Amino acid sequence: MSTSDDHRETPDDLIGRRLGREGYIEIRRRLGQGGIGTVYEAWDHNKARSIALKFLRTDHAIGKEMVLRFQREGRRFRELRHPNVVRVLGLGQKDGLIFIASEYVDGRNLAEILDERGSLQIDEALGLCQEIARGLDAAHAQRIVHRDMKPENVMIRTSDGAVKVVDFGIAKVLDSQSIVSQPGVYLGTPGYSAPEQIKGDDVDCRADIFALGAILYELLTGRIAFRGRNTVQILRSTTDREPISPTKFNDSVVRPVAKLISSMIEKNPRRRPKDMTAVIDAIDRVRNALSSGRGSSDERRGIRGVLRRVFEGIA
């Protein structure tokens, strides 16, 4: 049975509500709201733990068949377990609203950290992206593509600094269930979405590689790689223009690091690294070369030659 739009609750209506059998999940507070949904912290009384609930924005009422398809799709995400991925605990619907329950991460997202610090040190940025890439690689091994990688979707846990990719598969769930019905709207974030995603072509793991390259650019420069005064200009910049080299904004970005970023944000997905394993290995080689090159000015000059050699295959 479909639920009328007139009876769907607003985000603030949900605080204090209980979900699940015998109401064992209690919604306690709103954590944030974005373009595709609202996130709450909730308390699981059965397991005595906090969890996150994301109620997804929908453009029309949700019928029974759509809910069943949504839940089937969600089983794939529940099976994805990796230290660098926030675990999906379940999916469901309540009074015409659909939601995803996941592991709660007490920390800050990468966008908040960038707002505070502007940019990161090169090894720190490379290390963060390597952790992100490991989580994405595990998902890709299960044929799951994130489709909406951006700094807001990377959490850093306060207690131990663990890097966690969040909102895994939400864009795919929304797209596959036709929950967003506006014609001509793609599911993703301007400035991070790959050209093929913007154009409505099929996407694979290389779309996530593109987004991760854009994130690495931003971590090192404090600037978004693909810029514009409005969404249309940002999308056009992504599909048609090359960003300014990160070396122009941060002179610690040695040329081979810029070359890695450039390879990840290639317009043509066939010219990007073939998979996240290749990205992880490339970052590892750069970090090792940077580490071995620290010291005297002669050694620092020598690092450029080392990096050129280890990155000969990325051009």
C-alpha atoms as a PDB file:
ATOM      1  CA  MET A   1       0.000   0.000   0.000  1.00  0.00           C
ATOM      2  CA  SER A   2       1.373   3.413  -0.926  1.00  0.00           C
ATOM      3  CA  THR A   3       1.551   6.193   1.592  1.00  0.00           C
ATOM      4  CA  SER A   4       0.232   9.560   0.496  1.00  0.00           C
ATOM      5  CA  ASP A   5       2.618  12.501   0.398  1.00  0.00           C
ATOM      6  CA  ASP A   6       0.207  14.296   2.716  1.00  0.00           C
ATOM      7  CA  HIS A   7       0.907  11.758   5.482  1.00  0.00           C
ATOM      8  CA  ARG A   8       4.679  11.560   5.195  1.00  0.00           C
ATOM      9  CA  GLU A   9       6.477  12.955   8.206  1.00  0.00           C
ATOM     10  CA  THR A  10       9.033  15.731   8.196  1.00  0.00           C
ATOM     11  CA  PRO A  11      12.552  15.217   9.601  1.00  0.00           C
ATOM     12  CA  ASP A  12      11.813  17.004  12.886  1.00  0.00           C
ATOM     13  CA  ASP A  13       8.701  14.876  13.448  1.00  0.00           C
ATOM     14  CA  LEU A  14      10.872  11.782  13.862  1.00  0.00           C
ATOM     15  CA  ILE A  15      12.826  12.801  16.974  1.00  0.00           C
ATOM     16  CA  GLY A  16      11.599  10.689  19.865  1.00  0.00           C
ATOM     17  CA  ARG A  17       9.933   8.135  17.598  1.00  0.00           C
ATOM     18  CA  ARG A  18      10.620   4.408  17.953  1.00  0.00           C
ATOM     19  CA  LEU A  19      11.194   1.931  15.155  1.00  0.00           C
ATOM     20  CA  GLY A  20      11.578  -1.819  14.814  1.00  0.00           C
ATOM     21  CA  ARG A  21       9.839  -4.641  16.581  1.00  0.00           C
ATOM     22  CA  GLU A  22       8.567  -3.468  19.953  1.00  0.00           C
ATOM     23  CA  GLY A  23      10.140  -0.088  19.270  1.00  0.00           C
ATOM     24  CA  TYR A  24      13.661  -1.068  20.239  1.00  0.00           C
ATOM     25  CA  ILE A  25      15.228   1.720  18.112  1.00  0.00           C
ATOM     26  CA  GLU A  26      14.720   5.201  19.550  1.00  0.00           C
ATOM     27  CA  ILE A  27      15.508   8.264  17.418  1.00  0.00           C
ATOM     28  CA  ARG A  28      17.321  10.739  19.657  1.00  0.00           C
ATOM     29  CA  ARG A  29      18.755  13.653  17.655  1.00  0.00           C
ATOM     30  CA  ARG A  30      19.336  14.951  14.180  1.00  0.00           C
ATOM     31  CA  LEU A  31      22.975  14.887  13.073  1.00  0.00           C
ATOM     32  CA  GLY A  32      22.644  16.606   9.724  1.00  0.00           C
ATOM     33  CA  GLN A  33      20.638  17.093   6.568  1.00  0.00           C
ATOM     34  CA  GLY A  34      21.757  16.950   2.948  1.00  0.00           C
ATOM     35  CA  GLY A  35      20.442  16.785  -0.565  1.00  0.00           C
ATOM     36  CA  ILE A  36      19.313  13.167  -0.389  1.00  0.00           C
ATOM     37  CA  GLY A  37      18.351  12.691   3.213  1.00  0.00           C
ATOM     38  CA  THR A  38      18.467  13.459   6.913  1.00  0.00           C
ATOM     39  CA  VAL A  39      20.739  11.639   9.377  1.00  0.00           C
ATOM     40  CA  TYR A  40      19.867  10.915  13.001  1.00  0.00           C
ATOM     41  CA  GLU A  41      21.595   9.329  15.916  1.00  0.00           C
ATOM     42  CA  ALA A  42      19.398   6.600  17.385  1.00  0.00           C
ATOM     43  CA  TRP A  43      19.715   4.213  20.294  1.00  0.00           C
ATOM     44  CA  ASP A  44      19.413   0.456  19.779  1.00  0.00           C
ATOM     45  CA  HIS A  45      17.927  -0.734  23.062  1.00  0.00           C
ATOM     46  CA  ASN A  46      18.444  -4.405  22.196  1.00  0.00           C
ATOM     47  CA  LYS A  47      22.212  -4.052  21.729  1.00  0.00           C
ATOM     48  CA  ALA A  48      22.788  -0.977  23.906  1.00  0.00           C
ATOM     49  CA  ARG A  49      24.579   0.992  21.202  1.00  0.00           C
ATOM     50  CA  SER A  50      24.221   4.118  19.131  1.00  0.00           C
ATOM     51  CA  ILE A  51      23.445   3.715  15.435  1.00  0.00           C
ATOM     52  CA  ALA A  52      22.962   6.145  12.568  1.00  0.00           C
ATOM     53  CA  LEU A  53      19.688   6.337  10.655  1.00  0.00           C
ATOM     54  CA  LYS A  54      19.529   8.064   7.292  1.00  0.00           C
ATOM     55  CA  PHE A  55      16.034   8.798   6.051  1.00  0.00           C
ATOM     56  CA  LEU A  56      16.181   9.332   2.304  1.00  0.00           C
ATOM     57  CA  ARG A  57      14.456  12.153   0.495  1.00  0.00           C
ATOM     58  CA  THR A  58      11.890  10.873  -2.003  1.00  0.00           C
ATOM     59  CA  ASP A  59       9.936  12.618  -4.731  1.00  0.00           C
ATOM     60  CA  HIS A  60       6.831  10.471  -4.548  1.00  0.00           C
ATOM     61  CA  ALA A  61       5.070   7.985  -2.321  1.00  0.00           C
ATOM     62  CA  ILE A  62       6.713   4.622  -1.682  1.00  0.00           C
ATOM     63  CA  GLY A  63       4.749   1.531  -2.623  1.00  0.00           C
ATOM     64  CA  LYS A  64       5.106  -1.978  -1.212  1.00  0.00           C
ATOM     65  CA  GLU A  65       6.857  -3.358  -4.302  1.00  0.00           C
ATOM     66  CA  MET A  66       9.390  -0.541  -4.270  1.00  0.00           C
ATOM     67  CA  VAL A  67      10.120  -1.136  -0.574  1.00  0.00           C
ATOM     68  CA  LEU A  68      10.751  -4.836  -1.245  1.00  0.00           C
ATOM     69  CA  ARG A  69      13.129  -4.018  -4.111  1.00  0.00           C
ATOM     70  CA  PHE A  70      14.866  -1.436  -1.942  1.00  0.00           C
ATOM     71  CA  GLN A  71      15.385  -4.000   0.810  1.00  0.00           C
ATOM     72  CA  ARG A  72      16.707  -6.615  -1.654  1.00  0.00           C
ATOM     73  CA  GLU A  73      19.250  -4.119  -2.953  1.00  0.00           C
ATOM     74  CA  GLY A  74      20.214  -3.317   0.622  1.00  0.00           C
ATOM     75  CA  ARG A  75      21.257  -6.888   1.359  1.00  0.00           C
ATOM     76  CA  ARG A  76      24.319  -6.354  -0.844  1.00  0.00           C
ATOM     77  CA  PHE A  77      25.444  -3.448   1.319  1.00  0.00           C
ATOM     78  CA  ARG A  78      24.933  -5.349   4.576  1.00  0.00           C
ATOM     79  CA  GLU A  79      27.401  -7.947   3.295  1.00  0.00           C
ATOM     80  CA  LEU A  80      30.101  -5.305   2.761  1.00  0.00           C
ATOM     81  CA  ARG A  81      32.419  -5.350   5.749  1.00  0.00           C
ATOM     82  CA  HIS A  82      35.766  -3.573   5.871  1.00  0.00           C
ATOM     83  CA  PRO A  83      37.561  -1.442   8.490  1.00  0.00           C
ATOM     84  CA  ASN A  84      37.390   1.580   6.174  1.00  0.00           C
ATOM     85  CA  VAL A  85      33.666   1.286   5.375  1.00  0.00           C
ATOM     86  CA  VAL A  86      30.813   2.186   7.693  1.00  0.00           C
ATOM     87  CA  ARG A  87      28.803  -0.985   8.048  1.00  0.00           C
ATOM     88  CA  VAL A  88      25.185  -1.004   6.872  1.00  0.00           C
ATOM     89  CA  LEU A  89      23.019  -2.708   9.488  1.00  0.00           C
ATOM     90  CA  GLY A  90      19.669  -2.731   7.736  1.00  0.00           C
ATOM     91  CA  LEU A  91      17.163  -0.956   5.537  1.00  0.00           C
ATOM     92  CA  GLY A  92      13.488  -0.323   5.993  1.00  0.00           C
ATOM     93  CA  GLN A  93      10.569   2.076   5.761  1.00  0.00           C
ATOM     94  CA  LYS A  94       8.424   3.940   8.232  1.00  0.00           C
ATOM     95  CA  ASP A  95       5.235   5.810   7.368  1.00  0.00           C
ATOM     96  CA  GLY A  96       6.237   6.465   3.785  1.00  0.00           C
ATOM     97  CA  LEU A  97       9.879   7.258   4.588  1.00  0.00           C
ATOM     98  CA  ILE A  98      12.680   4.866   3.706  1.00  0.00           C
ATOM     99  CA  PHE A  99      15.814   4.641   5.816  1.00  0.00           C
ATOM    100  CA  ILE A 100      19.232   3.021   6.069  1.00  0.00           C
ATOM    101  CA  ALA A 101      20.559   1.992   9.497  1.00  0.00           C
ATOM    102  CA  SER A 102      24.331   1.913   9.839  1.00  0.00           C
ATOM    103  CA  GLU A 103      27.223   1.900  12.257  1.00  0.00           C
ATOM    104  CA  TYR A 104      27.490   5.186  14.168  1.00  0.00           C
ATOM    105  CA  VAL A 105      30.843   6.956  13.900  1.00  0.00           C
ATOM    106  CA  ASP A 106      31.647   9.510  16.594  1.00  0.00           C
ATOM    107  CA  GLY A 107      33.892  11.947  14.765  1.00  0.00           C
ATOM    108  CA  ARG A 108      34.078  14.572  12.034  1.00  0.00           C
ATOM    109  CA  ASN A 109      33.859  14.351   8.293  1.00  0.00           C
ATOM    110  CA  LEU A 110      36.677  15.358   5.984  1.00  0.00           C
ATOM    111  CA  ALA A 111      34.852  18.494   4.799  1.00  0.00           C
ATOM    112  CA  GLU A 112      34.725  19.800   8.364  1.00  0.00           C
ATOM    113  CA  ILE A 113      38.432  19.115   8.808  1.00  0.00           C
ATOM    114  CA  LEU A 114      39.221  20.932   5.562  1.00  0.00           C
ATOM    115  CA  ASP A 115      37.117  23.900   6.659  1.00  0.00           C
ATOM    116  CA  GLU A 116      39.215  24.105   9.806  1.00  0.00           C
ATOM    117  CA  ARG A 117      42.673  23.437   8.386  1.00  0.00           C
ATOM    118  CA  GLY A 118      42.448  24.592   4.766  1.00  0.00           C
ATOM    119  CA  SER A 119      44.675  21.823   3.419  1.00  0.00           C
ATOM    120  CA  LEU A 120      46.674  18.860   4.695  1.00  0.00           C
ATOM    121  CA  GLN A 121      50.321  17.891   4.665  1.00  0.00           C
ATOM    122  CA  ILE A 122      51.196  15.764   1.648  1.00  0.00           C
ATOM    123  CA  ASP A 123      51.848  12.472   3.467  1.00  0.00           C
ATOM    124  CA  GLU A 124      48.749  12.939   5.616  1.00  0.00           C
ATOM    125  CA  ALA A 125      46.607  13.525   2.518  1.00  0.00           C
ATOM    126  CA  LEU A 126      48.113  10.537   0.718  1.00  0.00           C
ATOM    127  CA  GLY A 127      47.610   8.340   3.777  1.00  0.00           C
ATOM    128  CA  LEU A 128      43.966   9.350   4.117  1.00  0.00           C
ATOM    129  CA  CYS A 129      43.298   8.677   0.436  1.00  0.00           C
ATOM    130  CA  GLN A 130      45.011   5.319   0.698  1.00  0.00           C
ATOM    131  CA  GLU A 131      42.675   4.331   3.531  1.00  0.00           C
ATOM    132  CA  ILE A 132      39.673   5.552   1.536  1.00  0.00           C
ATOM    133  CA  ALA A 133      40.911   3.595  -1.472  1.00  0.00           C
ATOM    134  CA  ARG A 134      41.156   0.404   0.601  1.00  0.00           C
ATOM    135  CA  GLY A 135      37.511   0.701   1.601  1.00  0.00           C
ATOM    136  CA  LEU A 136      36.461   1.416  -1.976  1.00  0.00           C
ATOM    137  CA  ASP A 137      38.573  -1.474  -3.260  1.00  0.00           C
ATOM    138  CA  ALA A 138      36.758  -3.888  -0.939  1.00  0.00           C
ATOM    139  CA  ALA A 139      33.422  -2.618  -2.223  1.00  0.00           C
ATOM    140  CA  HIS A 140      34.484  -2.848  -5.847  1.00  0.00           C
ATOM    141  CA  ALA A 141      35.489  -6.466  -5.257  1.00  0.00           C
ATOM    142  CA  GLN A 142      31.783  -7.060  -4.517  1.00  0.00           C
ATOM    143  CA  ARG A 143      30.748  -5.083  -7.606  1.00  0.00           C
ATOM    144  CA  ILE A 144      29.522  -2.149  -5.527  1.00  0.00           C
ATOM    145  CA  VAL A 145      30.352   1.380  -6.707  1.00  0.00           C
ATOM    146  CA  HIS A 146      29.910   4.282  -4.294  1.00  0.00           C
ATOM    147  CA  ARG A 147      28.903   6.887  -6.928  1.00  0.00           C
ATOM    148  CA  ASP A 148      28.941   9.838  -4.518  1.00  0.00           C
ATOM    149  CA  MET A 149      32.418  10.091  -3.023  1.00  0.00           C
ATOM    150  CA  LYS A 150      33.155  13.531  -1.554  1.00  0.00           C
ATOM    151  CA  PRO A 151      34.774  14.882   1.623  1.00  0.00           C
ATOM    152  CA  GLU A 152      31.424  14.857   3.466  1.00  0.00           C
ATOM    153  CA  ASN A 153      31.243  11.093   2.946  1.00  0.00           C
ATOM    154  CA  VAL A 154      34.515  10.353   4.721  1.00  0.00           C
ATOM    155  CA  MET A 155      34.422  10.215   8.522  1.00  0.00           C
ATOM    156  CA  ILE A 156      37.449  10.350  10.824  1.00  0.00           C
ATOM    157  CA  ARG A 157      36.664   8.656  14.132  1.00  0.00           C
ATOM    158  CA  THR A 158      37.704  10.742  17.119  1.00  0.00           C
ATOM    159  CA  SER A 159      38.814   7.885  19.361  1.00  0.00           C
ATOM    160  CA  ASP A 160      41.435   6.346  17.080  1.00  0.00           C
ATOM    161  CA  GLY A 161      41.584   8.325  13.828  1.00  0.00           C
ATOM    162  CA  ALA A 162      40.036   5.496  11.809  1.00  0.00           C
ATOM    163  CA  VAL A 163      38.974   6.515   8.296  1.00  0.00           C
ATOM    164  CA  LYS A 164      35.454   5.417   7.350  1.00  0.00           C
ATOM    165  CA  VAL A 165      33.621   5.807   4.032  1.00  0.00           C
ATOM    166  CA  VAL A 166      29.927   6.488   4.622  1.00  0.00           C
ATOM    167  CA  ASP A 167      26.749   6.517   2.526  1.00  0.00           C
ATOM    168  CA  PHE A 168      27.951   3.560   0.509  1.00  0.00           C
ATOM    169  CA  GLY A 169      25.592   2.697  -2.285  1.00  0.00           C
ATOM    170  CA  ILE A 170      22.911   5.277  -1.494  1.00  0.00           C
ATOM    171  CA  ALA A 171      23.127   6.729  -4.996  1.00  0.00           C
ATOM    172  CA  LYS A 172      22.846   3.235  -6.484  1.00  0.00           C
ATOM    173  CA  VAL A 173      19.885   2.375  -4.245  1.00  0.00           C
ATOM    174  CA  LEU A 174      18.113   5.589  -5.155  1.00  0.00           C
ATOM    175  CA  ASP A 175      18.840   5.187  -8.838  1.00  0.00           C
ATOM    176  CA  SER A 176      17.909   1.514  -9.078  1.00  0.00           C
ATOM    177  CA  GLN A 177      14.634   2.008  -7.226  1.00  0.00           C
ATOM    178  CA  SER A 178      13.648   5.113  -9.233  1.00  0.00           C
ATOM    179  CA  ILE A 179      13.040   6.919  -5.963  1.00  0.00           C
ATOM    180  CA  VAL A 180      14.211  10.241  -7.345  1.00  0.00           C
ATOM    181  CA  SER A 181      11.898  11.005 -10.231  1.00  0.00           C
ATOM    182  CA  GLN A 182      13.057  14.374 -11.553  1.00  0.00           C
ATOM    183  CA  PRO A 183      13.979  14.055 -15.232  1.00  0.00           C
ATOM    184  CA  GLY A 184      17.529  14.952 -16.202  1.00  0.00           C
ATOM    185  CA  VAL A 185      18.824  14.767 -12.613  1.00  0.00           C
ATOM    186  CA  TYR A 186      21.881  12.631 -12.038  1.00  0.00           C
ATOM    187  CA  LEU A 187      22.712  11.260  -8.614  1.00  0.00           C
ATOM    188  CA  GLY A 188      26.046  12.576  -7.440  1.00  0.00           C
ATOM    189  CA  THR A 189      27.779  15.758  -6.330  1.00  0.00           C
ATOM    190  CA  PRO A 190      29.045  18.411  -8.769  1.00  0.00           C
ATOM    191  CA  GLY A 191      32.801  18.797  -8.521  1.00  0.00           C
ATOM    192  CA  TYR A 192      33.370  15.130  -7.669  1.00  0.00           C
ATOM    193  CA  SER A 193      31.183  13.183 -10.100  1.00  0.00           C
ATOM    194  CA  ALA A 194      32.991  11.703 -13.102  1.00  0.00           C
ATOM    195  CA  PRO A 195      32.186  12.967 -16.618  1.00  0.00           C
ATOM    196  CA  GLU A 196      30.572   9.674 -17.597  1.00  0.00           C
ATOM    197  CA  GLN A 197      28.295   9.882 -14.568  1.00  0.00           C
ATOM    198  CA  ILE A 198      27.270  13.441 -15.432  1.00  0.00           C
ATOM    199  CA  LYS A 199      26.484  12.360 -19.002  1.00  0.00           C
ATOM    200  CA  GLY A 200      24.331   9.469 -17.825  1.00  0.00           C
ATOM    201  CA  ASP A 201      26.653   6.768 -19.160  1.00  0.00           C
ATOM    202  CA  ASP A 202      27.324   3.495 -17.360  1.00  0.00           C
ATOM    203  CA  VAL A 203      29.712   3.854 -14.430  1.00  0.00           C
ATOM    204  CA  ASP A 204      32.093   1.432 -12.791  1.00  0.00           C
ATOM    205  CA  CYS A 205      34.885   1.589 -10.224  1.00  0.00           C
ATOM    206  CA  ARG A 206      36.691   4.227 -12.274  1.00  0.00           C
ATOM    207  CA  ALA A 207      34.012   6.784 -11.360  1.00  0.00           C
ATOM    208  CA  ASP A 208      35.066   6.375  -7.726  1.00  0.00           C
ATOM    209  CA  ILE A 209      38.710   6.720  -8.793  1.00  0.00           C
ATOM    210  CA  PHE A 210      37.842  10.057 -10.414  1.00  0.00           C
ATOM    211  CA  ALA A 211      36.115  11.277  -7.239  1.00  0.00           C
ATOM    212  CA  LEU A 212      39.025  10.176  -5.058  1.00  0.00           C
ATOM    213  CA  GLY A 213      41.421  12.063  -7.329  1.00  0.00           C
ATOM    214  CA  ALA A 214      39.277  15.189  -6.899  1.00  0.00           C
ATOM    215  CA  ILE A 215      39.338  14.688  -3.130  1.00  0.00           C
ATOM    216  CA  LEU A 216      43.142  14.309  -3.098  1.00  0.00           C
ATOM    217  CA  TYR A 217      43.452  17.525  -5.134  1.00  0.00           C
ATOM    218  CA  GLU A 218      41.313  19.339  -2.577  1.00  0.00           C
ATOM    219  CA  LEU A 219      43.176  17.910   0.415  1.00  0.00           C
ATOM    220  CA  LEU A 220      46.474  19.216  -0.955  1.00  0.00           C
ATOM    221  CA  THR A 221      45.315  22.611  -2.235  1.00  0.00           C
ATOM    222  CA  GLY A 222      42.287  23.548  -0.151  1.00  0.00           C
ATOM    223  CA  ARG A 223      40.460  24.169  -3.445  1.00  0.00           C
ATOM    224  CA  ILE A 224      37.873  22.203  -5.394  1.00  0.00           C
ATOM    225  CA  ALA A 225      39.431  20.941  -8.629  1.00  0.00           C
ATOM    226  CA  PHE A 226      36.409  21.661 -10.840  1.00  0.00           C
ATOM    227  CA  ARG A 227      35.001  25.095 -10.191  1.00  0.00           C
ATOM    228  CA  GLY A 228      32.189  27.361 -11.384  1.00  0.00           C
ATOM    229  CA  ARG A 229      29.748  30.000 -10.249  1.00  0.00           C
ATOM    230  CA  ASN A 230      26.847  27.562 -10.449  1.00  0.00           C
ATOM    231  CA  THR A 231      26.093  23.886 -10.899  1.00  0.00           C
ATOM    232  CA  VAL A 232      25.979  24.069 -14.696  1.00  0.00           C
ATOM    233  CA  GLN A 233      29.426  25.671 -14.836  1.00  0.00           C
ATOM    234  CA  ILE A 234      30.883  23.119 -12.426  1.00  0.00           C
ATOM    235  CA  LEU A 235      29.513  20.245 -14.497  1.00  0.00           C
ATOM    236  CA  ARG A 236      30.835  21.819 -17.703  1.00  0.00           C
ATOM    237  CA  SER A 237      34.233  22.330 -16.076  1.00  0.00           C
ATOM    238  CA  THR A 238      34.257  18.655 -15.092  1.00  0.00           C
ATOM    239  CA  THR A 239      33.419  17.369 -18.553  1.00  0.00           C
ATOM    240  CA  ASP A 240      35.288  19.886 -20.722  1.00  0.00           C
ATOM    241  CA  ARG A 241      38.154  21.561 -18.856  1.00  0.00           C
ATOM    242  CA  GLU A 242      41.362  20.614 -17.081  1.00  0.00           C
ATOM    243  CA  PRO A 243      41.831  21.934 -13.542  1.00  0.00           C
ATOM    244  CA  ILE A 244      44.762  24.162 -12.635  1.00  0.00           C
ATOM    245  CA  SER A 245      47.731  22.045 -11.556  1.00  0.00           C
ATOM    246  CA  PRO A 246      47.840  21.548  -7.768  1.00  0.00           C
ATOM    247  CA  THR A 247      51.506  22.576  -7.863  1.00  0.00           C
ATOM    248  CA  LYS A 248      50.322  26.161  -8.501  1.00  0.00           C
ATOM    249  CA  PHE A 249      48.691  26.280  -5.070  1.00  0.00           C
ATOM    250  CA  ASN A 250      51.014  24.046  -3.025  1.00  0.00           C
ATOM    251  CA  ASP A 251      54.703  23.853  -3.913  1.00  0.00           C
ATOM    252  CA  SER A 252      55.141  20.749  -1.752  1.00  0.00           C
ATOM    253  CA  VAL A 253      53.116  18.805  -4.317  1.00  0.00           C
ATOM    254  CA  VAL A 254      55.963  17.301  -6.330  1.00  0.00           C
ATOM    255  CA  ARG A 255      55.270  16.678  -9.985  1.00  0.00           C
ATOM    256  CA  PRO A 256      54.709  12.904  -9.759  1.00  0.00           C
ATOM    257  CA  VAL A 257      52.012  13.455  -7.106  1.00  0.00           C
ATOM    258  CA  ALA A 258      50.325  15.945  -9.428  1.00  0.00           C
ATOM    259  CA  LYS A 259      50.705  13.349 -12.167  1.00  0.00           C
ATOM    260  CA  LEU A 260      48.929  10.753 -10.064  1.00  0.00           C
ATOM    261  CA  ILE A 261      46.039  13.141  -9.425  1.00  0.00           C
ATOM    262  CA  SER A 262      45.885  13.981 -13.135  1.00  0.00           C
ATOM    263  CA  SER A 263      45.686  10.292 -14.031  1.00  0.00           C
ATOM    264  CA  MET A 264      42.834   9.743 -11.568  1.00  0.00           C
ATOM    265  CA  ILE A 265      40.751  12.656 -12.902  1.00  0.00           C
ATOM    266  CA  GLU A 266      41.190  11.876 -16.591  1.00  0.00           C
ATOM    267  CA  LYS A 267      38.042  12.680 -18.572  1.00  0.00           C
ATOM    268  CA  ASN A 268      38.213   9.305 -20.324  1.00  0.00           C
ATOM    269  CA  PRO A 269      37.745   6.516 -17.755  1.00  0.00           C
ATOM    270  CA  ARG A 270      39.911   4.171 -19.863  1.00  0.00           C
ATOM    271  CA  ARG A 271      42.893   6.444 -19.197  1.00  0.00           C
ATOM    272  CA  ARG A 272      42.519   6.311 -15.407  1.00  0.00           C
ATOM    273  CA  PRO A 273      44.155   3.649 -13.228  1.00  0.00           C
ATOM    274  CA  LYS A 274      42.351   0.400 -13.932  1.00  0.00           C
ATOM    275  CA  ASP A 275      41.179  -0.175 -10.361  1.00  0.00           C
ATOM    276  CA  MET A 276      41.628   0.910  -6.758  1.00  0.00           C
ATOM    277  CA  THR A 277      44.363  -1.666  -6.200  1.00  0.00           C
ATOM    278  CA  ALA A 278      46.466   0.226  -8.739  1.00  0.00           C
ATOM    279  CA  VAL A 279      45.717   3.486  -6.910  1.00  0.00           C
ATOM    280  CA  ILE A 280      46.676   1.980  -3.538  1.00  0.00           C
ATOM    281  CA  ASP A 281      49.951   0.665  -4.955  1.00  0.00           C
ATOM    282  CA  ALA A 282      50.746   3.987  -6.622  1.00  0.00           C
ATOM    283  CA  ILE A 283      50.149   5.947  -3.417  1.00  0.00           C
ATOM    284  CA  ASP A 284      52.284   3.447  -1.527  1.00  0.00           C
ATOM    285  CA  ARG A 285      55.190   3.958  -3.923  1.00  0.00           C
ATOM    286  CA  VAL A 286      54.915   7.735  -3.620  1.00  0.00           C
ATOM    287  CA  ARG A 287      54.816   7.642   0.177  1.00  0.00           C
ATOM    288  CA  ASN A 288      57.818   5.336   0.330  1.00  0.00           C
ATOM    289  CA  ALA A 289      59.740   7.566  -2.059  1.00  0.00           C
ATOM    290  CA  LEU A 290      58.823  10.687  -0.112  1.00  0.00           C
ATOM    291  CA  SER A 291      59.895   9.050   3.135  1.00  0.00           C
ATOM    292  CA  SER A 292      63.242   7.922   1.746  1.00  0.00           C
ATOM    293  CA  GLY A 293      63.850  11.393   0.291  1.00  0.00           C
ATOM    294  CA  ARG A 294      63.476  13.377   3.533  1.00  0.00           C
ATOM    295  CA  GLY A 295      66.652  14.919   4.893  1.00  0.00           C
ATOM    296  CA  SER A 296      69.221  17.134   3.223  1.00  0.00           C
ATOM    297  CA  SER A 297      68.418  19.537   0.384  1.00  0.00           C
ATOM    298  CA  ASP A 298      70.275  17.212  -1.990  1.00  0.00           C
ATOM    299  CA  GLU A 299      68.075  14.342  -0.840  1.00  0.00           C
ATOM    300  CA  ARG A 300      64.943  16.442  -1.281  1.00  0.00           C
ATOM    301  CA  ARG A 301      65.981  17.282  -4.823  1.00  0.00           C
ATOM    302  CA  GLY A 302      66.691  13.606  -5.411  1.00  0.00           C
ATOM    303  CA  ILE A 303      63.166  12.609  -4.427  1.00  0.00           C
ATOM    304  CA  ARG A 304      61.845  14.072  -7.665  1.00  0.00           C
ATOM    305  CA  GLY A 305      63.942  11.662  -9.685  1.00  0.00           C
ATOM    306  CA  VAL A 306      62.869   8.736  -7.521  1.00  0.00           C
ATOM    307  CA  LEU A 307      59.208   9.662  -7.916  1.00  0.00           C
ATOM    308  CA  ARG A 308      59.539  10.071 -11.663  1.00  0.00           C
ATOM    309  CA  ARG A 309      60.928   6.555 -11.932  1.00  0.00           C
ATOM    310  CA  VAL A 310      58.248   4.908  -9.804  1.00  0.00           C
ATOM    311  CA  PHE A 311      55.512   6.732 -11.705  1.00  0.00           C
ATOM    312  CA  GLU A 312      56.666   6.171 -15.262  1.00  0.00           C
ATOM    313  CA  GLY A 313      53.620   4.010 -15.946  1.00  0.00           C
ATOM    314  CA  ILE A 314      50.996   6.528 -14.837  1.00  0.00           C
ATOM    315  CA  ALA A 315      51.267   9.079 -17.664  1.00  0.00           C
END
